[in-house]
Amino acid sequence: MDLPYRLCYGMGGLRTAGDLVARAQLYNKAKLNDAKKLVAGKLGIDVEQLSDEFAMRDVREEHDIGLIIALPGRAKGIAAKKRISKLFGFQINSVNLFDKKTMSV
């Protein structure tokens, strides 16, 4: 996962959409530009907005998929990952493990 994160790091990670684009690259075995298009399409925005911190804060808040500074009543941690998994159709190991553990309780 190191290489996709390095390529997307310039996008700002959780501040923008770098984390989502890196995950889309890995999960879909996609090139960087294809992953950006996929993420932008799922979020309903233009590819240019993916690296705009102000636009992405609003988008992340709207979809409740995590913010750099957690706000009360908003998804954070595993809850944000679970929403990302559902929105994008990604299989995220930590989410799957969490679901297994909570179902066995």
Protein backbone atom coordinates (compact mmCIF):
# COMPACT_ATOMS: atom_id res chain seq x y z
CA MET A 1 0.00 0.00 0.00
CA ASP A 2 3.06 2.22 0.30
CA LEU A 3 3.38 3.18 -3.37
CA PRO A 4 -0.22 4.33 -3.97
CA TYR A 5 -0.12 6.38 -0.78
CA ARG A 6 3.11 8.03 -1.91
CA LEU A 7 1.56 8.88 -5.28
CA CYS A 8 -1.59 10.29 -3.69
CA TYR A 9 0.16 12.00 -0.78
CA GLY A 10 0.31 15.28 -2.69
CA MET A 11 -3.49 15.28 -2.67
CA GLY A 12 -3.47 15.74 1.10
CA GLY A 13 -4.69 12.34 2.29
CA LEU A 14 -7.64 12.77 4.65
CA ARG A 15 -7.60 16.54 4.12
CA THR A 16 -8.77 15.96 0.57
CA ALA A 17 -9.29 12.63 -1.22
CA GLY A 18 -5.81 11.11 -1.30
CA ASP A 19 -6.80 8.25 1.01
CA LEU A 20 -9.81 7.40 -1.15
CA VAL A 21 -7.86 7.56 -4.41
CA ALA A 22 -5.09 5.34 -3.02
CA ARG A 23 -7.64 2.79 -1.86
CA ALA A 24 -9.39 2.92 -5.27
CA GLN A 25 -6.05 2.31 -6.99
CA LEU A 26 -5.37 -0.77 -4.91
CA TYR A 27 -8.85 -2.22 -4.81
CA ASN A 28 -9.57 -1.75 -8.53
CA LYS A 29 -5.97 -2.17 -9.72
CA ALA A 30 -6.46 1.18 -11.44
CA LYS A 31 -4.07 3.80 -12.72
CA LEU A 32 -3.98 7.08 -10.80
CA ASN A 33 -6.17 9.05 -13.22
CA ASP A 34 -8.73 6.23 -13.45
CA ALA A 35 -8.88 6.01 -9.65
CA LYS A 36 -9.43 9.78 -9.42
CA LYS A 37 -12.30 9.56 -11.92
CA LEU A 38 -13.88 6.68 -10.00
CA VAL A 39 -13.70 8.50 -6.66
CA ALA A 40 -14.95 11.78 -8.13
CA GLY A 41 -17.86 9.96 -9.79
CA LYS A 42 -18.90 8.21 -6.56
CA LEU A 43 -18.74 11.50 -4.67
CA GLY A 44 -20.57 13.43 -7.40
CA ILE A 45 -17.83 16.00 -7.93
CA ASP A 46 -15.25 16.98 -10.55
CA VAL A 47 -11.77 15.43 -10.51
CA GLU A 48 -10.29 18.90 -9.90
CA GLN A 49 -12.19 19.16 -6.61
CA LEU A 50 -10.49 16.05 -5.22
CA SER A 51 -7.42 18.07 -4.23
CA ASP A 52 -9.31 21.15 -2.99
CA GLU A 53 -9.27 21.08 0.82
CA PHE A 54 -12.26 23.37 1.19
CA ALA A 55 -14.47 21.54 -1.31
CA MET A 56 -13.50 18.12 0.07
CA ARG A 57 -14.25 19.12 3.64
CA ASP A 58 -17.83 19.83 2.58
CA VAL A 59 -18.02 16.61 0.55
CA ARG A 60 -16.58 14.50 3.38
CA GLU A 61 -18.98 16.11 5.83
CA GLU A 62 -21.93 15.57 3.48
CA HIS A 63 -21.13 11.87 3.00
CA ASP A 64 -19.94 11.52 6.63
CA ILE A 65 -16.76 9.69 5.61
CA GLY A 66 -14.36 11.23 8.11
CA LEU A 67 -12.63 14.56 8.61
CA ILE A 68 -9.11 15.44 9.66
CA ILE A 69 -10.50 16.91 12.89
CA ALA A 70 -13.33 14.80 14.24
CA LEU A 71 -16.55 16.67 14.94
CA PRO A 72 -19.11 15.60 17.54
CA GLY A 73 -21.83 13.48 16.00
CA ARG A 74 -19.79 12.71 12.86
CA ALA A 75 -18.28 9.39 11.82
CA LYS A 76 -14.68 8.78 12.80
CA GLY A 77 -12.40 5.78 12.93
CA ILE A 78 -14.03 2.48 12.06
CA ALA A 79 -17.42 4.16 11.50
CA ALA A 80 -15.92 6.38 8.79
CA LYS A 81 -14.17 3.38 7.21
CA LYS A 82 -17.44 1.47 7.23
CA ARG A 83 -19.17 4.32 5.39
CA ILE A 84 -16.30 4.47 2.86
CA SER A 85 -16.57 0.72 2.35
CA LYS A 86 -20.30 0.96 1.68
CA LEU A 87 -20.10 4.06 -0.55
CA PHE A 88 -17.29 2.77 -2.76
CA GLY A 89 -17.85 -0.96 -2.49
CA PHE A 90 -14.36 -1.54 -1.09
CA GLN A 91 -13.59 -4.56 1.06
CA ILE A 92 -11.67 -3.06 4.01
CA ASN A 93 -10.05 -5.67 6.25
CA SER A 94 -10.49 -3.74 9.49
CA VAL A 95 -14.19 -3.22 8.76
CA ASN A 96 -14.69 -6.89 7.94
CA LEU A 97 -12.84 -7.93 11.10
CA PHE A 98 -14.91 -5.50 13.19
CA ASP A 99 -18.12 -6.88 11.69
CA LYS A 100 -17.06 -10.46 12.45
CA LYS A 101 -16.26 -9.62 16.05
CA THR A 102 -19.48 -7.72 16.65
CA MET A 103 -21.58 -10.50 15.10
CA SER A 104 -20.03 -13.11 17.41
CA VAL A 105 -20.84 -11.12 20.56
